[in-house]
Structures are given as structure tokens and as C-alpha cells.
């Protein structure tokens, strides 16, 4: 969360950016919320709903924070895009967890 805050505190001037810089920043943003969600799921002991809510709440506060940074602006659309990244984190963790634990088997009565 601190890394996201620091990165979103950087001023922005899109006109002076090379294409590789824009692409790198977008990939970093995807990675940030993906890892944040996976970290919340691990910390909360597999409570994906709560992990998603916390990650999206932070995405909202991050967008609000960006409205105070020169050259940046926060939008609700960016929070929706972050929701996709959060979902990717949940899907990744669920698949990993299923692979590690294995499919659930009905108990023999």
C-alpha cells in the first residue's frame, strides 16, 4: 500500500512520456493491485470478499489522493479498472489454492 501511495504521488505529464514509459507504468499498476489483493487474501486467511473490499477501498482512496497531485486526476473509472485487477488477484489465488489443496472430496459417512 505504501508503494502504491508513493507511485501515485508522482506528478504526471503524459505529453513528455515515451510509449515504453506509459506501458511500463500501466503494467506496474496492474501488478500493484494484483499483489495487494493476493496479500490481503493471505493475511485474512482466505476471505476473498473482505480482501476485495479492502483492495477496492484502497483503490478509491488512491484515486482521491491523485486529485491532489499536480498533473494527476482520480476518476471512478480507474477504480473500476482496479476492480478488474483485484479480480485477477482473486482468481490467481483461488487457482493456486485449489492446486495446492486439491479438489474437495465429499466425506464418507
C-alpha atoms as a PDB file:
ATOM      1  CA  UNK A   1       0.000   0.000   0.000  1.00  0.00           C
ATOM      2  CA  UNK A   2       2.923   2.323   0.707  1.00  0.00           C
ATOM      3  CA  UNK A   3       4.390   1.584  -2.730  1.00  0.00           C
ATOM      4  CA  UNK A   4       1.075   2.433  -4.387  1.00  0.00           C
ATOM      5  CA  UNK A   5       0.899   5.679  -2.413  1.00  0.00           C
ATOM      6  CA  UNK A   6       4.441   6.691  -3.365  1.00  0.00           C
ATOM      7  CA  UNK A   7       3.947   5.859  -7.037  1.00  0.00           C
ATOM      8  CA  UNK A   8       0.635   7.702  -7.219  1.00  0.00           C
ATOM      9  CA  UNK A   9       2.274  10.746  -5.610  1.00  0.00           C
ATOM     10  CA  UNK A  10       4.488  11.280  -8.651  1.00  0.00           C
ATOM     11  CA  UNK A  11       3.488  14.147 -10.872  1.00  0.00           C
ATOM     12  CA  UNK A  12       2.423  13.321 -14.385  1.00  0.00           C
ATOM     13  CA  UNK A  13       2.906  14.934 -17.759  1.00  0.00           C
ATOM     14  CA  UNK A  14       1.673  12.470 -20.371  1.00  0.00           C
ATOM     15  CA  UNK A  15       2.825  14.614 -23.306  1.00  0.00           C
ATOM     16  CA  UNK A  16       6.506  14.109 -22.458  1.00  0.00           C
ATOM     17  CA  UNK A  17       6.295  10.337 -21.916  1.00  0.00           C
ATOM     18  CA  UNK A  18       7.715   7.769 -24.273  1.00  0.00           C
ATOM     19  CA  UNK A  19       5.465   4.842 -25.190  1.00  0.00           C
ATOM     20  CA  UNK A  20       7.620   2.384 -23.252  1.00  0.00           C
ATOM     21  CA  UNK A  21       7.226   4.527 -20.123  1.00  0.00           C
ATOM     22  CA  UNK A  22       3.438   4.561 -20.426  1.00  0.00           C
ATOM     23  CA  UNK A  23       3.321   0.786 -20.977  1.00  0.00           C
ATOM     24  CA  UNK A  24       5.659   0.172 -18.031  1.00  0.00           C
ATOM     25  CA  UNK A  25       3.517   2.330 -15.746  1.00  0.00           C
ATOM     26  CA  UNK A  26       0.313   0.530 -16.761  1.00  0.00           C
ATOM     27  CA  UNK A  27       1.937  -2.866 -16.130  1.00  0.00           C
ATOM     28  CA  UNK A  28       3.138  -1.650 -12.736  1.00  0.00           C
ATOM     29  CA  UNK A  29      -0.396  -0.541 -11.876  1.00  0.00           C
ATOM     30  CA  UNK A  30      -1.780  -3.965 -12.784  1.00  0.00           C
ATOM     31  CA  UNK A  31       0.872  -5.628 -10.646  1.00  0.00           C
ATOM     32  CA  UNK A  32       0.239  -3.339  -7.671  1.00  0.00           C
ATOM     33  CA  UNK A  33      -3.429  -4.172  -7.190  1.00  0.00           C
ATOM     34  CA  UNK A  34      -2.949  -7.813  -8.132  1.00  0.00           C
ATOM     35  CA  UNK A  35      -0.294  -8.209  -5.402  1.00  0.00           C
ATOM     36  CA  UNK A  36      -2.263  -6.118  -2.911  1.00  0.00           C
ATOM     37  CA  UNK A  37      -5.263  -8.403  -3.286  1.00  0.00           C
ATOM     38  CA  UNK A  38      -3.180 -11.577  -3.005  1.00  0.00           C
ATOM     39  CA  UNK A  39      -1.515 -10.150   0.118  1.00  0.00           C
ATOM     40  CA  UNK A  40      -4.907  -9.350   1.685  1.00  0.00           C
ATOM     41  CA  UNK A  41      -6.219 -12.838   0.917  1.00  0.00           C
ATOM     42  CA  UNK A  42      -3.165 -14.423   2.522  1.00  0.00           C
ATOM     43  CA  UNK A  43      -3.295 -12.105   5.540  1.00  0.00           C
ATOM     44  CA  UNK A  44      -7.008 -12.679   6.121  1.00  0.00           C
ATOM     45  CA  UNK A  45      -6.910 -16.457   5.831  1.00  0.00           C
ATOM     46  CA  UNK A  46      -8.823 -16.830   2.565  1.00  0.00           C
ATOM     47  CA  UNK A  47     -11.591 -14.312   2.938  1.00  0.00           C
ATOM     48  CA  UNK A  48     -11.791 -13.206  -0.700  1.00  0.00           C
ATOM     49  CA  UNK A  49     -14.787 -10.924  -0.253  1.00  0.00           C
ATOM     50  CA  UNK A  50     -13.131  -8.929   2.510  1.00  0.00           C
ATOM     51  CA  UNK A  51      -9.836  -8.855   0.580  1.00  0.00           C
ATOM     52  CA  UNK A  52     -11.644  -7.455  -2.459  1.00  0.00           C
ATOM     53  CA  UNK A  53     -13.465  -4.826  -0.393  1.00  0.00           C
ATOM     54  CA  UNK A  54     -10.226  -3.677   1.269  1.00  0.00           C
ATOM     55  CA  UNK A  55      -8.355  -3.543  -2.036  1.00  0.00           C
ATOM     56  CA  UNK A  56     -11.142  -1.600  -3.744  1.00  0.00           C
ATOM     57  CA  UNK A  57     -11.476   0.751  -0.792  1.00  0.00           C
ATOM     58  CA  UNK A  58      -7.777   1.488  -1.102  1.00  0.00           C
ATOM     59  CA  UNK A  59      -8.183   1.989  -4.853  1.00  0.00           C
ATOM     60  CA  UNK A  60     -10.853   4.588  -4.101  1.00  0.00           C
ATOM     61  CA  UNK A  61      -8.687   6.434  -1.594  1.00  0.00           C
ATOM     62  CA  UNK A  62      -5.785   6.281  -4.046  1.00  0.00           C
ATOM     63  CA  UNK A  63      -7.889   7.944  -6.726  1.00  0.00           C
ATOM     64  CA  UNK A  64      -8.932  10.617  -4.221  1.00  0.00           C
ATOM     65  CA  UNK A  65      -5.260  11.117  -3.329  1.00  0.00           C
ATOM     66  CA  UNK A  66      -4.386  11.597  -7.002  1.00  0.00           C
ATOM     67  CA  UNK A  67      -6.762  14.557  -7.238  1.00  0.00           C
ATOM     68  CA  UNK A  68      -4.305  16.455  -5.007  1.00  0.00           C
ATOM     69  CA  UNK A  69      -1.209  15.596  -7.095  1.00  0.00           C
ATOM     70  CA  UNK A  70      -0.121  18.030  -9.819  1.00  0.00           C
ATOM     71  CA  UNK A  71      -0.794  16.617 -13.269  1.00  0.00           C
ATOM     72  CA  UNK A  72      -2.839  13.684 -11.982  1.00  0.00           C
ATOM     73  CA  UNK A  73      -6.560  13.173 -11.653  1.00  0.00           C
ATOM     74  CA  UNK A  74      -8.608  10.498  -9.985  1.00  0.00           C
ATOM     75  CA  UNK A  75     -11.653   9.010 -11.646  1.00  0.00           C
ATOM     76  CA  UNK A  76     -14.272   6.428 -10.711  1.00  0.00           C
ATOM     77  CA  UNK A  77     -13.433   4.652 -13.977  1.00  0.00           C
ATOM     78  CA  UNK A  78      -9.930   3.967 -12.660  1.00  0.00           C
ATOM     79  CA  UNK A  79     -11.452   2.307  -9.583  1.00  0.00           C
ATOM     80  CA  UNK A  80     -13.479   0.071 -11.905  1.00  0.00           C
ATOM     81  CA  UNK A  81     -10.307  -0.825 -13.800  1.00  0.00           C
ATOM     82  CA  UNK A  82      -8.644  -1.582 -10.469  1.00  0.00           C
ATOM     83  CA  UNK A  83     -11.591  -3.882  -9.725  1.00  0.00           C
ATOM     84  CA  UNK A  84     -10.549  -5.977 -12.712  1.00  0.00           C
ATOM     85  CA  UNK A  85      -7.035  -6.192 -11.297  1.00  0.00           C
ATOM     86  CA  UNK A  86      -8.429  -7.190  -7.901  1.00  0.00           C
ATOM     87  CA  UNK A  87     -10.489  -9.898  -9.576  1.00  0.00           C
ATOM     88  CA  UNK A  88      -7.380 -11.211 -11.338  1.00  0.00           C
ATOM     89  CA  UNK A  89      -5.661 -11.450  -7.968  1.00  0.00           C
ATOM     90  CA  UNK A  90      -8.578 -13.399  -6.502  1.00  0.00           C
ATOM     91  CA  UNK A  91      -8.709 -15.773  -9.478  1.00  0.00           C
ATOM     92  CA  UNK A  92      -4.964 -16.376  -9.292  1.00  0.00           C
ATOM     93  CA  UNK A  93      -5.054 -17.105  -5.577  1.00  0.00           C
ATOM     94  CA  UNK A  94      -8.103 -19.365  -5.876  1.00  0.00           C
ATOM     95  CA  UNK A  95      -6.452 -21.406  -8.640  1.00  0.00           C
ATOM     96  CA  UNK A  96      -3.230 -21.645  -6.683  1.00  0.00           C
ATOM     97  CA  UNK A  97      -5.062 -22.665  -3.540  1.00  0.00           C
ATOM     98  CA  UNK A  98      -7.064 -25.322  -5.409  1.00  0.00           C
ATOM     99  CA  UNK A  99      -3.874 -26.733  -6.931  1.00  0.00           C
ATOM    100  CA  UNK A 100      -2.152 -26.876  -3.526  1.00  0.00           C
ATOM    101  CA  UNK A 101      -5.071 -28.283  -1.526  1.00  0.00           C
ATOM    102  CA  UNK A 102      -6.667 -30.301  -4.301  1.00  0.00           C
ATOM    103  CA  UNK A 103     -10.333 -30.688  -5.084  1.00  0.00           C
ATOM    104  CA  UNK A 104     -12.637 -31.058  -2.139  1.00  0.00           C
ATOM    105  CA  UNK A 105     -13.902 -34.570  -1.669  1.00  0.00           C
ATOM    106  CA  UNK A 106     -17.186 -35.489  -0.028  1.00  0.00           C
ATOM    107  CA  UNK A 107     -16.708 -37.165   3.300  1.00  0.00           C
ATOM    108  CA  UNK A 108     -17.625 -40.834   3.583  1.00  0.00           C
ATOM    109  CA  UNK A 109     -20.368 -41.295   6.132  1.00  0.00           C
END
